[in-house]
Protein backbone atom coordinates (compact mmCIF):
# COMPACT_ATOMS: atom_id res chain seq x y z
CA UNK A 1 121.17 102.25 -203.07
CA UNK A 2 122.20 99.26 -203.71
CA UNK A 3 123.16 97.05 -201.06
CA UNK A 4 123.92 93.81 -202.49
CA UNK A 5 127.68 93.48 -202.22
CA UNK A 6 129.99 90.36 -202.74
CA UNK A 7 129.12 87.43 -200.34
CA UNK A 8 132.02 84.94 -200.42
CA UNK A 9 130.77 81.32 -201.00
CA UNK A 10 132.24 78.27 -199.69
CA UNK A 11 129.88 75.18 -200.14
CA UNK A 12 128.77 74.39 -203.19
CA UNK A 13 124.73 72.18 -203.44
CA UNK A 14 124.19 70.78 -206.48
CA UNK A 15 120.53 70.85 -207.29
CA UNK A 16 118.86 67.55 -205.86
CA UNK A 17 115.97 65.31 -208.15
CA UNK A 18 114.53 62.86 -206.86
CA UNK A 19 111.70 61.39 -204.72
CA UNK A 20 112.82 64.06 -202.06
CA UNK A 21 111.88 66.77 -204.24
CA UNK A 22 107.90 65.91 -203.09
CA UNK A 23 109.42 67.59 -199.41
CA UNK A 24 108.12 70.67 -200.70
CA UNK A 25 104.46 69.94 -199.19
CA UNK A 26 106.42 68.38 -196.62
CA UNK A 27 105.23 64.85 -196.71
CA UNK A 28 109.07 63.03 -195.21
CA UNK A 29 107.71 60.70 -192.27
CA UNK A 30 104.75 59.85 -194.07
CA UNK A 31 106.26 57.91 -197.27
CA UNK A 32 108.47 55.47 -197.66
CA UNK A 33 110.98 57.10 -200.69
CA UNK A 34 113.76 53.79 -200.11
CA UNK A 35 111.44 51.77 -202.37
CA UNK A 36 108.94 51.36 -205.48
CA UNK A 37 104.75 50.40 -204.89
CA UNK A 38 102.71 48.78 -207.94
CA UNK A 39 99.61 49.06 -207.38
CA UNK A 40 96.07 47.98 -209.51
CA UNK A 41 93.03 49.11 -208.61
CA UNK A 42 89.67 50.93 -209.92
CA UNK A 43 89.33 54.68 -209.12
CA UNK A 44 86.59 54.89 -206.48
CA UNK A 45 86.66 58.36 -205.04
CA UNK A 46 88.20 61.56 -206.25
CA UNK A 47 89.19 64.87 -204.41
CA UNK A 48 90.67 67.15 -206.56
CA UNK A 49 92.38 70.03 -204.64
CA UNK A 50 95.75 71.49 -203.67
CA UNK A 51 98.00 70.82 -202.25
CA UNK A 52 98.05 67.17 -204.07
CA UNK A 53 95.03 65.69 -205.57
CA UNK A 54 93.63 62.42 -203.13
CA UNK A 55 92.10 59.27 -204.91
CA UNK A 56 90.43 55.83 -203.33
CA UNK A 57 91.87 52.85 -205.53
CA UNK A 58 89.94 49.70 -204.82
CA UNK A 59 92.83 46.80 -205.35
CA UNK A 60 92.36 43.12 -204.37
CA UNK A 61 94.98 42.03 -202.11
CA UNK A 62 96.92 38.63 -201.95
CA UNK A 63 94.15 37.00 -200.18
CA UNK A 64 91.54 38.22 -202.83
CA UNK A 65 90.61 40.41 -200.25
CA UNK A 66 89.59 44.08 -201.64
CA UNK A 67 91.20 47.08 -200.06
CA UNK A 68 90.63 50.77 -200.10
CA UNK A 69 94.56 52.10 -201.40
CA UNK A 70 94.66 56.39 -200.05
CA UNK A 71 96.66 57.78 -203.06
CA UNK A 72 98.10 61.51 -203.70
CA UNK A 73 99.41 62.44 -206.66
CA UNK A 74 101.68 66.07 -207.18
CA UNK A 75 99.71 69.29 -207.41
CA UNK A 76 96.78 70.43 -209.49
CA UNK A 77 99.53 72.98 -211.00
CA UNK A 78 101.80 69.74 -211.64
CA UNK A 79 98.99 67.99 -213.30
CA UNK A 80 98.39 70.95 -215.60
CA UNK A 81 101.80 71.27 -216.65
CA UNK A 82 101.49 67.72 -217.25
CA UNK A 83 98.27 68.05 -219.30
CA UNK A 84 96.04 66.76 -217.15
CA UNK A 85 92.53 68.38 -215.72
CA UNK A 86 90.20 66.84 -213.11
CA UNK A 87 88.70 64.06 -215.42
CA UNK A 88 92.00 62.41 -216.05
CA UNK A 89 91.22 59.61 -213.35
CA UNK A 90 87.93 59.00 -212.97
CA UNK A 91 85.36 56.94 -210.76
CA UNK A 92 85.25 53.84 -212.29
CA UNK A 93 88.96 54.24 -213.80
CA UNK A 94 91.17 51.07 -213.78
CA UNK A 95 94.72 52.41 -213.73
CA UNK A 96 97.96 50.94 -212.73
CA UNK A 97 99.93 53.50 -210.30
CA UNK A 98 103.46 53.37 -208.61
CA UNK A 99 105.19 55.34 -206.54
CA UNK A 100 106.20 55.58 -203.04
CA UNK A 101 104.61 53.10 -200.47
CA UNK A 102 103.94 53.67 -196.42
CA UNK A 103 106.58 54.90 -193.75
CA UNK A 104 103.84 53.69 -191.39
CA UNK A 105 102.35 50.44 -192.64
CA UNK A 106 98.88 51.40 -194.36
CA UNK A 107 97.53 51.06 -197.63
CA UNK A 108 98.73 55.05 -198.73
CA UNK A 109 100.59 56.16 -201.82
CA UNK A 110 102.20 58.84 -203.42
CA UNK A 111 102.11 58.08 -206.67
CA UNK A 112 104.69 59.17 -209.45
CA UNK A 113 103.55 57.27 -212.76
CA UNK A 114 100.28 56.00 -213.41
CA UNK A 115 99.91 52.98 -216.17
CA UNK A 116 96.79 53.35 -218.36
CA UNK A 117 94.93 50.16 -219.60
CA UNK A 118 95.78 51.51 -223.59
CA UNK A 119 99.28 51.23 -222.12
CA UNK A 120 99.81 54.50 -222.22
CA UNK A 121 102.14 55.94 -218.97
CA UNK A 122 101.28 59.48 -217.29
CA UNK A 123 103.72 61.33 -215.02
CA UNK A 124 102.00 62.21 -212.47
CA UNK A 125 104.27 64.41 -209.74
CA UNK A 126 106.95 67.32 -210.73
CA UNK A 127 109.56 64.70 -210.15
CA UNK A 128 108.48 61.54 -211.99
CA UNK A 129 110.99 59.32 -214.56
CA UNK A 130 109.31 57.25 -217.32
CA UNK A 131 108.86 53.63 -215.73
CA UNK A 132 106.71 52.16 -218.34
CA UNK A 133 107.90 53.21 -221.29
CA UNK A 134 111.47 54.34 -220.45
CA UNK A 135 112.55 52.22 -223.20
CA UNK A 136 109.58 53.30 -225.55
CA UNK A 137 108.79 57.13 -225.65
CA UNK A 138 105.28 56.31 -227.86
CA UNK A 139 103.63 55.15 -224.79
CA UNK A 140 104.69 58.18 -222.45
CA UNK A 141 101.59 60.95 -222.74
CA UNK A 142 102.23 63.79 -224.43
CA UNK A 143 99.89 66.91 -223.92
CA UNK A 144 98.39 69.26 -226.56
CA UNK A 145 99.47 72.89 -226.87
CA UNK A 146 96.76 75.48 -226.34
CA UNK A 147 98.09 77.92 -229.61
CA UNK A 148 95.87 80.51 -228.97
CA UNK A 149 96.89 81.03 -224.80
CA UNK A 150 100.77 80.80 -226.77
CA UNK A 151 99.80 83.97 -229.60
CA UNK A 152 98.88 85.52 -226.78
CA UNK A 153 101.32 85.59 -224.65
CA UNK A 154 104.31 86.21 -227.17
CA UNK A 155 102.24 89.05 -227.99
CA UNK A 156 102.30 90.73 -224.29
CA UNK A 157 106.22 89.65 -222.52
CA UNK A 158 108.87 91.87 -222.87
CA UNK A 159 111.85 90.78 -221.57
CA UNK A 160 111.67 89.02 -217.78
CA UNK A 161 107.87 90.10 -217.42
CA UNK A 162 106.26 86.94 -218.22
CA UNK A 163 105.71 83.46 -216.96
CA UNK A 164 107.95 80.91 -216.72
CA UNK A 165 107.74 77.40 -215.69
CA UNK A 166 110.22 74.71 -214.24
CA UNK A 167 111.58 71.77 -216.91
CA UNK A 168 110.64 68.64 -215.15
CA UNK A 169 112.54 66.28 -216.32
CA UNK A 170 115.88 68.39 -216.10
CA UNK A 171 117.23 68.39 -212.28
CA UNK A 172 118.84 71.38 -213.73
CA UNK A 173 115.93 73.31 -213.72
CA UNK A 174 114.18 71.58 -210.50
CA UNK A 175 114.67 70.87 -207.46
CA UNK A 176 116.86 73.93 -206.64
CA UNK A 177 117.76 71.94 -203.71
CA UNK A 178 116.90 69.43 -201.74
CA UNK A 179 117.79 66.76 -199.20
CA UNK A 180 121.85 67.45 -198.26
CA UNK A 181 123.90 67.11 -195.61
CA UNK A 182 123.99 70.77 -195.43
CA UNK A 183 127.32 72.52 -193.23
CA UNK A 184 125.14 73.05 -190.20
CA UNK A 185 126.68 74.50 -187.01
CA UNK A 186 125.98 72.79 -183.36
CA UNK A 187 123.23 75.22 -183.02
CA UNK A 188 121.86 74.23 -186.35
CA UNK A 189 122.21 70.31 -185.65
CA UNK A 190 120.56 70.66 -182.44
CA UNK A 191 117.05 72.00 -184.00
CA UNK A 192 116.49 70.28 -186.57
CA UNK A 193 116.94 67.12 -183.94
CA UNK A 194 114.05 68.98 -182.17
CA UNK A 195 111.81 68.91 -185.50
CA UNK A 196 108.79 67.79 -185.37
CA UNK A 197 107.50 66.80 -188.85
CA UNK A 198 103.79 67.33 -187.31
CA UNK A 199 104.49 70.67 -186.74
CA UNK A 200 106.37 72.07 -189.80
CA UNK A 201 104.51 74.90 -190.72
CA UNK A 202 105.26 73.85 -194.46
CA UNK A 203 102.25 70.69 -193.72
CA UNK A 204 99.40 71.16 -196.16
CA UNK A 205 98.76 75.23 -196.87
CA UNK A 206 101.63 76.72 -194.84
CA UNK A 207 103.08 79.22 -196.86
CA UNK A 208 106.90 78.97 -198.09
CA UNK A 209 109.70 82.10 -196.59
CA UNK A 210 112.48 83.15 -198.61
CA UNK A 211 114.11 80.95 -199.86
CA UNK A 212 112.28 78.29 -199.88
CA UNK A 213 109.48 79.67 -201.78
CA UNK A 214 112.21 79.91 -205.10
CA UNK A 215 112.07 76.09 -205.03
CA UNK A 216 108.79 76.12 -206.15
CA UNK A 217 108.58 74.06 -209.32
CA UNK A 218 105.39 76.07 -210.56
CA UNK A 219 104.95 78.83 -212.93
CA UNK A 220 105.94 82.38 -211.98
CA UNK A 221 105.63 85.72 -213.88
CA UNK A 222 107.33 88.84 -213.41
CA UNK A 223 105.15 91.93 -212.83
CA UNK A 224 106.16 95.54 -212.44
CA UNK A 225 104.50 97.79 -209.79
CA UNK A 226 105.52 101.14 -210.01
CA UNK A 227 109.14 101.66 -210.25
CA UNK A 228 108.60 98.05 -208.50
CA UNK A 229 108.66 94.32 -209.12
CA UNK A 230 106.97 91.27 -207.69
CA UNK A 231 107.37 88.32 -208.01
CA UNK A 232 103.20 86.66 -208.58
CA UNK A 233 104.64 82.57 -207.45
CA UNK A 234 101.40 80.21 -208.36
CA UNK A 235 102.22 78.12 -205.23
CA UNK A 236 99.74 79.56 -202.51
CA UNK A 237 98.92 82.52 -204.92
CA UNK A 238 102.36 84.50 -203.02
CA UNK A 239 102.97 87.92 -204.35
CA UNK A 240 107.13 88.52 -203.47
CA UNK A 241 107.65 92.77 -203.42
CA UNK A 242 111.24 93.70 -204.74
CA UNK A 243 112.73 97.59 -204.09
CA UNK A 244 114.17 98.52 -206.93
CA UNK A 245 113.69 102.26 -206.40
CA UNK A 246 117.21 103.04 -204.72
CA UNK A 247 116.28 106.61 -202.81
CA UNK A 248 113.82 103.92 -200.71
CA UNK A 249 113.90 103.20 -196.59
CA UNK A 250 116.69 101.65 -195.27
CA UNK A 251 116.57 97.69 -194.39
CA UNK A 252 116.72 98.77 -190.64
CA UNK A 253 113.43 100.43 -190.87
CA UNK A 254 111.79 97.14 -192.59
CA UNK A 255 109.66 94.65 -190.09
CA UNK A 256 110.99 91.36 -190.09
CA UNK A 257 108.33 89.15 -192.30
CA UNK A 258 108.43 85.47 -193.95
CA UNK A 259 109.89 87.21 -196.83
CA UNK A 260 111.91 88.92 -195.86
CA UNK A 261 112.77 92.48 -197.60
CA UNK A 262 114.09 91.99 -200.48
CA UNK A 263 115.81 95.04 -202.72
CA UNK A 264 116.87 94.66 -206.41
CA UNK A 265 118.77 96.51 -208.62
CA UNK A 266 119.98 95.29 -212.51
CA UNK A 267 123.31 94.48 -213.96
CA UNK A 268 122.38 94.30 -217.65
CA UNK A 269 120.59 91.30 -218.22
CA UNK A 270 120.69 90.12 -214.72
CA UNK A 271 118.12 91.13 -212.14
CA UNK A 272 120.34 91.42 -208.81
CA UNK A 273 118.63 91.10 -205.70
CA UNK A 274 119.68 91.04 -202.21
CA UNK A 275 117.09 89.56 -198.95
CA UNK A 276 117.38 90.35 -195.52
CA UNK A 277 115.19 90.77 -192.27
CA UNK A 278 113.31 86.98 -193.43
CA UNK A 279 111.01 85.84 -190.45
CA UNK A 280 110.96 81.95 -191.64
CA UNK A 281 111.74 78.42 -189.22
CA UNK A 282 112.74 76.24 -191.91
CA UNK A 283 114.78 76.37 -194.88
CA UNK A 284 113.59 73.04 -196.73
CA UNK A 285 110.56 70.74 -195.53
CA UNK A 286 113.03 67.90 -193.72
CA UNK A 287 113.52 70.25 -190.55
CA UNK A 288 116.36 72.40 -192.10
CA UNK A 289 116.00 75.27 -189.56
CA UNK A 290 117.02 79.04 -190.85
CA UNK A 291 116.64 81.82 -188.15
CA UNK A 292 116.69 85.72 -189.65
CA UNK A 293 120.54 86.13 -189.51
CA UNK A 294 119.85 84.72 -193.12
CA UNK A 295 121.15 86.82 -195.63
CA UNK A 296 119.66 86.13 -199.29
CA UNK A 297 121.64 86.97 -202.76
CA UNK A 298 119.78 86.22 -205.57
CA UNK A 299 120.92 86.64 -209.64
CA UNK A 300 118.35 86.20 -212.37
CA UNK A 301 119.58 85.97 -215.95
CA UNK A 302 117.83 86.75 -219.22
CA UNK A 303 118.97 85.04 -221.96
CA UNK A 304 120.22 86.68 -225.65
CA UNK A 305 116.50 84.83 -226.80
CA UNK A 306 114.52 85.25 -223.93
CA UNK A 307 113.34 81.74 -223.59
CA UNK A 308 116.01 81.18 -220.16
CA UNK A 309 115.52 82.35 -216.98
CA UNK A 310 118.87 81.69 -215.06
CA UNK A 311 118.71 81.89 -211.79
CA UNK A 312 122.03 81.49 -208.93
CA UNK A 313 121.12 82.20 -205.35
CA UNK A 314 123.69 82.37 -202.24
CA UNK A 315 122.67 82.35 -198.87
CA UNK A 316 124.57 82.91 -195.41
CA UNK A 317 123.46 82.22 -192.58
CA UNK A 318 126.39 82.21 -189.68
CA UNK A 319 124.06 80.97 -187.41
CA UNK A 320 122.76 77.59 -188.91
CA UNK A 321 124.72 76.74 -191.78
CA UNK A 322 128.52 77.08 -191.03
CA UNK A 323 129.22 77.94 -194.33
CA UNK A 324 127.98 79.71 -197.14
CA UNK A 325 126.04 77.94 -199.73
CA UNK A 326 124.76 78.34 -203.71
CA UNK A 327 122.29 76.93 -205.83
CA UNK A 328 121.44 76.93 -209.39
CA UNK A 329 118.66 76.59 -211.12
CA UNK A 330 116.04 77.84 -214.05
CA UNK A 331 113.38 78.60 -215.80
CA UNK A 332 111.49 78.29 -219.56
CA UNK A 333 109.47 80.33 -221.27
CA UNK A 334 106.54 78.07 -222.71
CA UNK A 335 103.93 80.39 -223.50
CA UNK A 336 100.68 78.55 -223.32
CA UNK A 337 101.15 78.24 -219.18
CA UNK A 338 100.48 81.35 -217.05
CA UNK A 339 100.04 81.87 -213.51
CA UNK A 340 96.84 80.04 -211.61
CA UNK A 341 95.32 80.85 -208.54
CA UNK A 342 96.42 77.61 -206.63
CA UNK A 343 93.48 77.55 -203.80
CA UNK A 344 95.09 75.37 -201.15
CA UNK A 345 92.84 73.33 -199.05
CA UNK A 346 93.73 71.74 -196.27
């Protein structure tokens, strides 16, 4: 049963990179993305957890007083992809950090860049760009490659069935979509104006729905499950089922759920997936809403050398969006990277 028919697209929104990319954990309203704050101090405390590790940094202010700043970085998954572990910032270390300061006038920072005393810069969020090493790439930290893990992954990979990861430095890869002037209907505009960031389901460890789940910056893996496909996301340990049985139950018999009812079929090297019956309240962590009327159509296309997976997403939600939309991104295959447990803590 092939239900993936044509979906007309009238508006195309480019993938947006930059500070707004942090919104996948709903930090909107917490940090001021309009300016960069730089602080220097000594690590006083470390809390290593997802969705964001947190640090206490003791900083001497202009009056000579010691002030404890609360610092967040990208998720553990992000840091791992950057080649960093729990000890990359330890109690007693003196570091310089740059990122977005508090929008509430508090000593708090979402860090994107770290400068070690030896002059080496470390990128500590998914959308970080070099700051101190921009003119001297030799000063940018480069993680070592786990050759044993890479060899094992090469021996097991088969077509689309492998782990895929974002390329943080390329906005065509990450993020999928970001803050933008979406073509909202009057109902969509009204619902967004009523948004309360504190009540967002995406605060802390709230699970993303379809299609927001596809914004993930972390590894994902395609797995075979009998005749079906499971898309396993590292982020929040989510598993999304894609029905591949053409004789399966009709969509109207399926219950609404956060990830919806997904049905796929192969078109050459492309996996085509149509999803309906989605029960998610927010399209993005900026309060843009969505309704159960949403339908998505996805194309996952494997490159000839099997090193890249291109993704095309088409969205139709006539209650919220005045026109259909489309977005594009891609994932790369890094054999040394695998999907790891996320273990989010509030």
